[in-house]
Amino acid sequence: MAEEYERIYIIPLRKAKRKERSRRADAAIKIIKEFLRRHMKVEEVKLDNKINEFVWERGKHKIPSKVKVKVRKRKNLAEANLLEG
């Protein structure tokens, strides 16, 4: 398998909506990182600042239901960028 490749994922954030309202955005970021760790089989995940801004855009209570990201894997590191559209 190639050392470096890219994938596009739509990550559901439904589980974060089960958390108490004041912790939803924090939980969403953790869910995104855990999803990418599991699917890309890496130890370290780096999120672009735009993903964080997208999740926090409407505050910590009203998070989006899903987020679309483009992920690039390099050895044991995954870098995720927000995919708009």
N, C-alpha and C. Protein backbone atom coordinates (compact mmCIF):
# COMPACT_ATOMS: atom_id res chain seq x y z
N MET A 1 0.84 -1.19 0.00
CA MET A 1 0.00 0.00 0.00
C MET A 1 0.89 1.25 0.00
N ALA A 2 0.40 2.30 -0.59
CA ALA A 2 1.18 3.53 -0.73
C ALA A 2 1.43 4.19 0.63
N GLU A 3 2.56 4.84 0.74
CA GLU A 3 2.91 5.54 1.97
C GLU A 3 2.06 6.79 2.18
N GLU A 4 1.68 7.43 1.09
CA GLU A 4 0.94 8.68 1.19
C GLU A 4 -0.29 8.62 0.28
N TYR A 5 -1.46 8.93 0.85
CA TYR A 5 -2.67 8.97 0.05
C TYR A 5 -3.71 9.88 0.70
N GLU A 6 -4.76 10.18 -0.07
CA GLU A 6 -5.82 11.09 0.40
C GLU A 6 -7.17 10.38 0.34
N ARG A 7 -8.04 10.78 1.24
CA ARG A 7 -9.41 10.27 1.26
C ARG A 7 -10.34 11.39 1.68
N ILE A 8 -11.60 11.25 1.30
CA ILE A 8 -12.64 12.19 1.71
C ILE A 8 -13.62 11.42 2.59
N TYR A 9 -13.93 11.98 3.75
CA TYR A 9 -14.86 11.36 4.69
C TYR A 9 -15.95 12.35 5.07
N ILE A 10 -17.16 11.84 5.26
CA ILE A 10 -18.24 12.60 5.88
C ILE A 10 -18.41 11.99 7.27
N ILE A 11 -18.08 12.77 8.28
CA ILE A 11 -18.06 12.27 9.65
C ILE A 11 -19.34 12.68 10.37
N PRO A 12 -20.16 11.71 10.81
CA PRO A 12 -21.38 12.05 11.55
C PRO A 12 -21.04 12.48 12.98
N LEU A 13 -21.74 13.49 13.45
CA LEU A 13 -21.49 14.00 14.81
C LEU A 13 -22.71 13.79 15.71
N ARG A 14 -23.53 12.80 15.40
CA ARG A 14 -24.74 12.53 16.18
C ARG A 14 -24.44 12.20 17.64
N LYS A 15 -23.36 11.47 17.87
CA LYS A 15 -23.04 11.07 19.24
C LYS A 15 -22.73 12.27 20.13
N ALA A 16 -22.21 13.33 19.54
CA ALA A 16 -21.89 14.53 20.33
C ALA A 16 -23.16 15.21 20.81
N LYS A 17 -24.27 15.02 20.10
CA LYS A 17 -25.53 15.65 20.51
C LYS A 17 -26.16 14.94 21.71
N ARG A 18 -25.66 13.78 22.07
CA ARG A 18 -26.12 13.09 23.28
C ARG A 18 -25.48 13.67 24.54
N LYS A 19 -24.39 14.37 24.37
CA LYS A 19 -23.69 14.96 25.51
C LYS A 19 -24.48 16.15 26.04
N GLU A 20 -24.11 16.60 27.22
CA GLU A 20 -24.77 17.80 27.74
C GLU A 20 -24.42 18.98 26.86
N ARG A 21 -25.31 19.95 26.80
CA ARG A 21 -25.20 21.04 25.83
C ARG A 21 -23.90 21.81 25.94
N SER A 22 -23.38 21.98 27.13
CA SER A 22 -22.19 22.81 27.29
C SER A 22 -20.91 22.11 26.85
N ARG A 23 -20.98 20.83 26.46
CA ARG A 23 -19.78 20.10 26.06
C ARG A 23 -19.87 19.53 24.65
N ARG A 24 -20.86 19.93 23.89
CA ARG A 24 -21.07 19.34 22.57
C ARG A 24 -19.95 19.62 21.59
N ALA A 25 -19.47 20.84 21.51
CA ALA A 25 -18.41 21.17 20.55
C ALA A 25 -17.11 20.45 20.90
N ASP A 26 -16.79 20.38 22.17
CA ASP A 26 -15.59 19.66 22.60
C ASP A 26 -15.70 18.18 22.24
N ALA A 27 -16.87 17.61 22.47
CA ALA A 27 -17.09 16.20 22.15
C ALA A 27 -17.01 15.97 20.64
N ALA A 28 -17.49 16.91 19.84
CA ALA A 28 -17.46 16.77 18.38
C ALA A 28 -16.01 16.72 17.88
N ILE A 29 -15.15 17.55 18.42
CA ILE A 29 -13.75 17.54 18.01
C ILE A 29 -13.10 16.21 18.37
N LYS A 30 -13.40 15.68 19.55
CA LYS A 30 -12.85 14.39 19.95
C LYS A 30 -13.36 13.27 19.05
N ILE A 31 -14.64 13.34 18.66
CA ILE A 31 -15.22 12.33 17.77
C ILE A 31 -14.54 12.38 16.41
N ILE A 32 -14.29 13.56 15.89
CA ILE A 32 -13.61 13.69 14.59
C ILE A 32 -12.21 13.07 14.66
N LYS A 33 -11.46 13.39 15.69
CA LYS A 33 -10.10 12.85 15.82
C LYS A 33 -10.12 11.33 15.97
N GLU A 34 -11.03 10.81 16.78
CA GLU A 34 -11.11 9.37 16.99
C GLU A 34 -11.53 8.64 15.71
N PHE A 35 -12.46 9.21 14.97
CA PHE A 35 -12.90 8.65 13.69
C PHE A 35 -11.72 8.54 12.73
N LEU A 36 -10.95 9.61 12.62
CA LEU A 36 -9.81 9.61 11.70
C LEU A 36 -8.70 8.67 12.16
N ARG A 37 -8.49 8.58 13.47
CA ARG A 37 -7.49 7.64 13.99
C ARG A 37 -7.85 6.21 13.61
N ARG A 38 -9.13 5.89 13.76
CA ARG A 38 -9.59 4.53 13.49
C ARG A 38 -9.57 4.20 11.99
N HIS A 39 -10.04 5.12 11.15
CA HIS A 39 -10.17 4.84 9.73
C HIS A 39 -8.86 4.98 8.96
N MET A 40 -7.99 5.86 9.40
CA MET A 40 -6.72 6.04 8.70
C MET A 40 -5.60 5.19 9.32
N LYS A 41 -5.88 4.57 10.45
CA LYS A 41 -4.92 3.70 11.14
C LYS A 41 -3.61 4.42 11.44
N VAL A 42 -3.73 5.54 12.14
CA VAL A 42 -2.57 6.34 12.52
C VAL A 42 -2.60 6.63 14.01
N GLU A 43 -1.48 7.09 14.51
CA GLU A 43 -1.37 7.46 15.92
C GLU A 43 -1.74 8.93 16.15
N GLU A 44 -1.33 9.79 15.23
CA GLU A 44 -1.51 11.23 15.42
C GLU A 44 -2.38 11.82 14.33
N VAL A 45 -3.33 12.69 14.75
CA VAL A 45 -4.22 13.37 13.81
C VAL A 45 -4.10 14.87 14.04
N LYS A 46 -3.90 15.61 12.95
CA LYS A 46 -3.85 17.07 13.02
C LYS A 46 -5.04 17.62 12.25
N LEU A 47 -5.82 18.47 12.92
CA LEU A 47 -6.98 19.09 12.29
C LEU A 47 -6.64 20.52 11.87
N ASP A 48 -7.15 20.88 10.72
CA ASP A 48 -7.01 22.24 10.23
C ASP A 48 -7.85 23.16 11.11
N ASN A 49 -7.44 24.40 11.25
CA ASN A 49 -8.16 25.35 12.06
C ASN A 49 -9.58 25.59 11.53
N LYS A 50 -9.79 25.44 10.23
CA LYS A 50 -11.11 25.66 9.65
C LYS A 50 -12.13 24.62 10.12
N ILE A 51 -11.68 23.41 10.43
CA ILE A 51 -12.59 22.39 10.98
C ILE A 51 -13.07 22.84 12.34
N ASN A 52 -12.14 23.30 13.16
CA ASN A 52 -12.49 23.79 14.49
C ASN A 52 -13.46 24.97 14.40
N GLU A 53 -13.19 25.90 13.50
CA GLU A 53 -14.08 27.06 13.34
C GLU A 53 -15.46 26.63 12.85
N PHE A 54 -15.53 25.63 11.97
CA PHE A 54 -16.80 25.14 11.45
C PHE A 54 -17.64 24.53 12.57
N VAL A 55 -17.01 23.74 13.44
CA VAL A 55 -17.74 23.11 14.54
C VAL A 55 -18.22 24.16 15.54
N TRP A 56 -17.39 25.16 15.83
CA TRP A 56 -17.72 26.17 16.83
C TRP A 56 -18.49 27.36 16.25
N GLU A 57 -18.78 27.35 14.97
CA GLU A 57 -19.37 28.50 14.28
C GLU A 57 -20.66 29.02 14.94
N ARG A 58 -21.53 28.12 15.34
CA ARG A 58 -22.81 28.53 15.95
C ARG A 58 -22.78 28.38 17.47
N GLY A 59 -21.60 28.28 18.02
CA GLY A 59 -21.46 28.16 19.47
C GLY A 59 -21.27 26.72 19.89
N LYS A 60 -21.09 26.51 21.18
CA LYS A 60 -20.81 25.16 21.65
C LYS A 60 -22.06 24.31 21.81
N HIS A 61 -23.24 24.94 21.76
CA HIS A 61 -24.49 24.20 21.95
C HIS A 61 -25.05 23.64 20.64
N LYS A 62 -24.93 24.39 19.54
CA LYS A 62 -25.57 24.03 18.27
C LYS A 62 -24.52 23.60 17.25
N ILE A 63 -24.03 22.39 17.40
CA ILE A 63 -23.00 21.89 16.49
C ILE A 63 -23.64 21.36 15.21
N PRO A 64 -22.88 21.27 14.12
CA PRO A 64 -23.41 20.69 12.88
C PRO A 64 -23.64 19.18 13.06
N SER A 65 -24.50 18.60 12.24
CA SER A 65 -24.79 17.18 12.36
C SER A 65 -23.72 16.31 11.70
N LYS A 66 -22.96 16.89 10.76
CA LYS A 66 -21.88 16.15 10.10
C LYS A 66 -20.86 17.14 9.55
N VAL A 67 -19.69 16.62 9.26
CA VAL A 67 -18.62 17.45 8.71
C VAL A 67 -17.92 16.65 7.61
N LYS A 68 -17.60 17.33 6.51
CA LYS A 68 -16.94 16.69 5.38
C LYS A 68 -15.48 17.13 5.37
N VAL A 69 -14.58 16.15 5.43
CA VAL A 69 -13.15 16.46 5.50
C VAL A 69 -12.37 15.69 4.44
N LYS A 70 -11.24 16.28 4.05
CA LYS A 70 -10.29 15.64 3.15
C LYS A 70 -9.05 15.34 3.98
N VAL A 71 -8.65 14.09 4.01
CA VAL A 71 -7.56 13.65 4.88
C VAL A 71 -6.39 13.14 4.05
N ARG A 72 -5.21 13.57 4.41
CA ARG A 72 -3.98 13.11 3.77
C ARG A 72 -3.18 12.33 4.82
N LYS A 73 -2.81 11.11 4.47
CA LYS A 73 -2.02 10.27 5.36
C LYS A 73 -0.57 10.26 4.91
N ARG A 74 0.32 10.51 5.86
CA ARG A 74 1.77 10.43 5.63
C ARG A 74 2.36 9.63 6.77
N LYS A 75 2.85 8.45 6.46
CA LYS A 75 3.43 7.54 7.45
C LYS A 75 2.49 7.35 8.63
N ASN A 76 2.78 7.96 9.78
CA ASN A 76 1.94 7.76 10.96
C ASN A 76 1.23 9.05 11.38
N LEU A 77 0.93 9.90 10.41
CA LEU A 77 0.29 11.18 10.67
C LEU A 77 -0.82 11.42 9.66
N ALA A 78 -1.98 11.85 10.14
CA ALA A 78 -3.09 12.20 9.26
C ALA A 78 -3.39 13.68 9.43
N GLU A 79 -3.44 14.41 8.32
CA GLU A 79 -3.75 15.83 8.34
C GLU A 79 -5.10 16.03 7.67
N ALA A 80 -6.04 16.64 8.39
CA ALA A 80 -7.41 16.82 7.88
C ALA A 80 -7.68 18.28 7.58
N ASN A 81 -8.34 18.51 6.44
CA ASN A 81 -8.77 19.84 6.02
C ASN A 81 -10.27 19.81 5.77
N LEU A 82 -10.92 20.93 6.04
CA LEU A 82 -12.35 21.04 5.80
C LEU A 82 -12.61 21.06 4.30
N LEU A 83 -13.59 20.28 3.86
CA LEU A 83 -13.96 20.23 2.46
C LEU A 83 -15.30 20.95 2.34
N GLU A 84 -15.30 22.10 1.72
CA GLU A 84 -16.51 22.91 1.62
C GLU A 84 -17.28 22.52 0.39
N GLY A 85 -18.60 22.48 0.52
CA GLY A 85 -19.44 22.21 -0.63
C GLY A 85 -20.16 20.93 -0.56
